[in-house]
Amino acid sequence: MNNIRWAATAMVMVSLALSACGGGGNESGPPDAIQASPAAVAVTGPAGACATGLGPTVYLYGGTPPYKLKNSVPMALALDKSTVGLSGQGFTVTFTNGVCLDGMPVSVEDDMGRIIEVMFTNQMGS
């Protein structure tokens, strides 16, 4: 009788442990594709100007880290790093010089050569 009670208790404990962690899955993203969150960023400046200053952090998931970043518009965007070392980490953008942008990319390349682009828009306020 004790063995049955012990087995039932063990099964309940395992079930609770799995439900507490979500039952598994890859929280780092898919291994065969890079994902960015957010995948696109749009900001609006004050009336008559485009935005300047600190922007959001873009988090990277999936693929094969490390991720190399390539900024296509360095006169308008500053990135706080050129490489993101681990899935789940990110890079922070600063909008500089008040340059307006319409869908300009920052390219993200993983260690296997897979590439995604995060699009940035900085529009003039009205």
C-alpha atoms as a PDB file:
ATOM      1  CA  MET A   1       0.000   0.000   0.000  1.00  0.00           C
ATOM      2  CA  ASN A   2       2.861   2.387   0.782  1.00  0.00           C
ATOM      3  CA  ASN A   3       4.361   1.793  -2.682  1.00  0.00           C
ATOM      4  CA  ILE A   4       1.085   2.746  -4.372  1.00  0.00           C
ATOM      5  CA  ARG A   5       0.763   5.890  -2.260  1.00  0.00           C
ATOM      6  CA  TRP A   6       4.428   6.827  -2.986  1.00  0.00           C
ATOM      7  CA  ALA A   7       3.943   6.273  -6.742  1.00  0.00           C
ATOM      8  CA  ALA A   8       0.783   8.379  -6.783  1.00  0.00           C
ATOM      9  CA  THR A   9       2.515  11.165  -4.858  1.00  0.00           C
ATOM     10  CA  ALA A  10       5.491  11.070  -7.240  1.00  0.00           C
ATOM     11  CA  MET A  11       3.203  11.287 -10.304  1.00  0.00           C
ATOM     12  CA  VAL A  12       1.394  14.301  -8.844  1.00  0.00           C
ATOM     13  CA  MET A  13       4.715  16.022  -8.095  1.00  0.00           C
ATOM     14  CA  VAL A  14       5.997  15.426 -11.638  1.00  0.00           C
ATOM     15  CA  SER A  15       2.747  16.760 -13.111  1.00  0.00           C
ATOM     16  CA  LEU A  16       2.934  19.884 -10.962  1.00  0.00           C
ATOM     17  CA  ALA A  17       6.572  20.460 -11.892  1.00  0.00           C
ATOM     18  CA  LEU A  18       5.824  20.204 -15.621  1.00  0.00           C
ATOM     19  CA  SER A  19       2.806  22.482 -15.428  1.00  0.00           C
ATOM     20  CA  ALA A  20       4.782  25.075 -13.461  1.00  0.00           C
ATOM     21  CA  CYS A  21       7.407  25.393 -16.186  1.00  0.00           C
ATOM     22  CA  GLY A  22       4.937  25.367 -19.052  1.00  0.00           C
ATOM     23  CA  GLY A  23       5.603  21.763 -20.011  1.00  0.00           C
ATOM     24  CA  GLY A  24       8.770  22.455 -21.941  1.00  0.00           C
ATOM     25  CA  GLY A  25       9.334  23.941 -25.367  1.00  0.00           C
ATOM     26  CA  ASN A  26      12.047  26.178 -26.758  1.00  0.00           C
ATOM     27  CA  GLU A  27      11.766  29.567 -25.084  1.00  0.00           C
ATOM     28  CA  SER A  28      14.885  30.716 -26.941  1.00  0.00           C
ATOM     29  CA  GLY A  29      13.052  30.685 -30.269  1.00  0.00           C
ATOM     30  CA  PRO A  30      13.286  28.362 -33.244  1.00  0.00           C
ATOM     31  CA  PRO A  31      16.786  27.064 -33.975  1.00  0.00           C
ATOM     32  CA  ASP A  32      16.396  27.543 -37.740  1.00  0.00           C
ATOM     33  CA  ALA A  33      15.203  31.177 -37.767  1.00  0.00           C
ATOM     34  CA  ILE A  34      16.020  34.452 -36.033  1.00  0.00           C
ATOM     35  CA  GLN A  35      13.199  36.441 -34.475  1.00  0.00           C
ATOM     36  CA  ALA A  36      13.231  40.042 -33.247  1.00  0.00           C
ATOM     37  CA  SER A  37      10.865  41.654 -30.777  1.00  0.00           C
ATOM     38  CA  PRO A  38       9.776  44.160 -31.824  1.00  0.00           C
ATOM     39  CA  ALA A  39      10.284  43.305 -35.515  1.00  0.00           C
ATOM     40  CA  ALA A  40       9.755  46.959 -36.512  1.00  0.00           C
ATOM     41  CA  VAL A  41       9.992  50.252 -34.656  1.00  0.00           C
ATOM     42  CA  ALA A  42       8.174  53.476 -35.523  1.00  0.00           C
ATOM     43  CA  VAL A  43       8.525  56.720 -33.586  1.00  0.00           C
ATOM     44  CA  THR A  44       7.176  60.218 -34.142  1.00  0.00           C
ATOM     45  CA  GLY A  45       9.034  63.358 -33.192  1.00  0.00           C
ATOM     46  CA  PRO A  46       7.648  66.624 -31.880  1.00  0.00           C
ATOM     47  CA  ALA A  47       5.785  69.035 -34.186  1.00  0.00           C
ATOM     48  CA  GLY A  48       7.949  69.881 -37.188  1.00  0.00           C
ATOM     49  CA  ALA A  49      10.808  67.527 -36.295  1.00  0.00           C
ATOM     50  CA  CYS A  50      11.787  63.891 -36.163  1.00  0.00           C
ATOM     51  CA  ALA A  51      12.565  62.198 -32.855  1.00  0.00           C
ATOM     52  CA  THR A  52      15.919  62.197 -31.110  1.00  0.00           C
ATOM     53  CA  GLY A  53      16.991  60.277 -28.043  1.00  0.00           C
ATOM     54  CA  LEU A  54      16.781  56.841 -26.551  1.00  0.00           C
ATOM     55  CA  GLY A  55      14.642  54.323 -28.391  1.00  0.00           C
ATOM     56  CA  PRO A  56      13.558  50.787 -27.540  1.00  0.00           C
ATOM     57  CA  THR A  57      15.550  47.648 -26.896  1.00  0.00           C
ATOM     58  CA  VAL A  58      15.084  45.013 -29.596  1.00  0.00           C
ATOM     59  CA  TYR A  59      15.360  41.452 -28.272  1.00  0.00           C
ATOM     60  CA  LEU A  60      16.652  38.604 -30.443  1.00  0.00           C
ATOM     61  CA  TYR A  61      15.626  34.947 -30.274  1.00  0.00           C
ATOM     62  CA  GLY A  62      16.266  31.746 -32.186  1.00  0.00           C
ATOM     63  CA  GLY A  63      18.847  30.972 -34.791  1.00  0.00           C
ATOM     64  CA  THR A  64      22.402  30.365 -33.623  1.00  0.00           C
ATOM     65  CA  PRO A  65      23.908  33.154 -31.499  1.00  0.00           C
ATOM     66  CA  PRO A  66      25.974  35.267 -31.429  1.00  0.00           C
ATOM     67  CA  TYR A  67      24.142  37.781 -33.616  1.00  0.00           C
ATOM     68  CA  LYS A  68      26.082  40.418 -35.599  1.00  0.00           C
ATOM     69  CA  LEU A  69      24.362  43.763 -36.163  1.00  0.00           C
ATOM     70  CA  LYS A  70      24.772  45.975 -39.220  1.00  0.00           C
ATOM     71  CA  ASN A  71      23.368  49.488 -39.022  1.00  0.00           C
ATOM     72  CA  SER A  72      22.415  50.800 -42.483  1.00  0.00           C
ATOM     73  CA  VAL A  73      21.911  54.387 -41.251  1.00  0.00           C
ATOM     74  CA  PRO A  74      24.612  55.249 -38.673  1.00  0.00           C
ATOM     75  CA  MET A  75      23.980  58.985 -39.137  1.00  0.00           C
ATOM     76  CA  ALA A  76      20.396  58.473 -37.870  1.00  0.00           C
ATOM     77  CA  LEU A  77      20.602  55.498 -35.470  1.00  0.00           C
ATOM     78  CA  ALA A  78      23.183  54.552 -32.868  1.00  0.00           C
ATOM     79  CA  LEU A  79      23.265  50.970 -31.575  1.00  0.00           C
ATOM     80  CA  ASP A  80      24.607  50.270 -28.098  1.00  0.00           C
ATOM     81  CA  LYS A  81      26.535  47.225 -29.377  1.00  0.00           C
ATOM     82  CA  SER A  82      27.582  45.528 -32.590  1.00  0.00           C
ATOM     83  CA  THR A  83      27.096  41.938 -31.378  1.00  0.00           C
ATOM     84  CA  VAL A  84      24.416  40.310 -29.229  1.00  0.00           C
ATOM     85  CA  GLY A  85      25.862  37.262 -27.504  1.00  0.00           C
ATOM     86  CA  LEU A  86      22.863  35.191 -26.436  1.00  0.00           C
ATOM     87  CA  SER A  87      19.298  34.454 -27.444  1.00  0.00           C
ATOM     88  CA  GLY A  88      16.948  36.556 -25.326  1.00  0.00           C
ATOM     89  CA  GLN A  89      19.361  39.475 -25.129  1.00  0.00           C
ATOM     90  CA  GLY A  90      18.977  42.623 -27.178  1.00  0.00           C
ATOM     91  CA  PHE A  91      20.365  45.889 -28.453  1.00  0.00           C
ATOM     92  CA  THR A  92      19.168  49.388 -27.669  1.00  0.00           C
ATOM     93  CA  VAL A  93      18.723  52.086 -30.293  1.00  0.00           C
ATOM     94  CA  THR A  94      19.244  55.826 -29.946  1.00  0.00           C
ATOM     95  CA  PHE A  95      17.778  58.142 -32.588  1.00  0.00           C
ATOM     96  CA  THR A  96      20.427  60.740 -33.440  1.00  0.00           C
ATOM     97  CA  ASN A  97      20.601  64.010 -35.324  1.00  0.00           C
ATOM     98  CA  GLY A  98      16.820  64.221 -35.798  1.00  0.00           C
ATOM     99  CA  VAL A  99      17.078  62.363 -39.117  1.00  0.00           C
ATOM    100  CA  CYS A 100      13.742  61.194 -40.498  1.00  0.00           C
ATOM    101  CA  LEU A 101      13.587  57.544 -41.628  1.00  0.00           C
ATOM    102  CA  ASP A 102      11.045  55.464 -43.473  1.00  0.00           C
ATOM    103  CA  GLY A 103      11.616  51.732 -43.007  1.00  0.00           C
ATOM    104  CA  MET A 104      15.419  51.682 -42.757  1.00  0.00           C
ATOM    105  CA  PRO A 105      16.889  48.314 -41.713  1.00  0.00           C
ATOM    106  CA  VAL A 106      19.270  47.106 -39.069  1.00  0.00           C
ATOM    107  CA  SER A 107      20.440  43.684 -40.274  1.00  0.00           C
ATOM    108  CA  VAL A 108      20.861  40.856 -37.791  1.00  0.00           C
ATOM    109  CA  GLU A 109      23.013  37.879 -38.815  1.00  0.00           C
ATOM    110  CA  ASP A 110      23.375  34.747 -36.728  1.00  0.00           C
ATOM    111  CA  ASP A 111      26.424  32.478 -36.562  1.00  0.00           C
ATOM    112  CA  MET A 112      25.056  30.304 -39.393  1.00  0.00           C
ATOM    113  CA  GLY A 113      24.628  33.252 -41.792  1.00  0.00           C
ATOM    114  CA  ARG A 114      20.841  33.593 -41.436  1.00  0.00           C
ATOM    115  CA  ILE A 115      19.736  37.220 -41.711  1.00  0.00           C
ATOM    116  CA  ILE A 116      16.681  39.212 -40.683  1.00  0.00           C
ATOM    117  CA  GLU A 117      16.088  42.937 -40.838  1.00  0.00           C
ATOM    118  CA  VAL A 118      14.523  45.070 -38.121  1.00  0.00           C
ATOM    119  CA  MET A 119      12.905  48.089 -39.747  1.00  0.00           C
ATOM    120  CA  PHE A 120      13.074  51.585 -38.212  1.00  0.00           C
ATOM    121  CA  THR A 121      10.840  54.552 -39.005  1.00  0.00           C
ATOM    122  CA  ASN A 122      11.265  58.019 -37.512  1.00  0.00           C
ATOM    123  CA  GLN A 123       8.560  60.382 -38.690  1.00  0.00           C
ATOM    124  CA  MET A 124       8.073  64.098 -38.292  1.00  0.00           C
ATOM    125  CA  GLY A 125       5.508  65.164 -35.724  1.00  0.00           C
ATOM    126  CA  SER A 126       2.589  67.359 -36.655  1.00  0.00           C
END
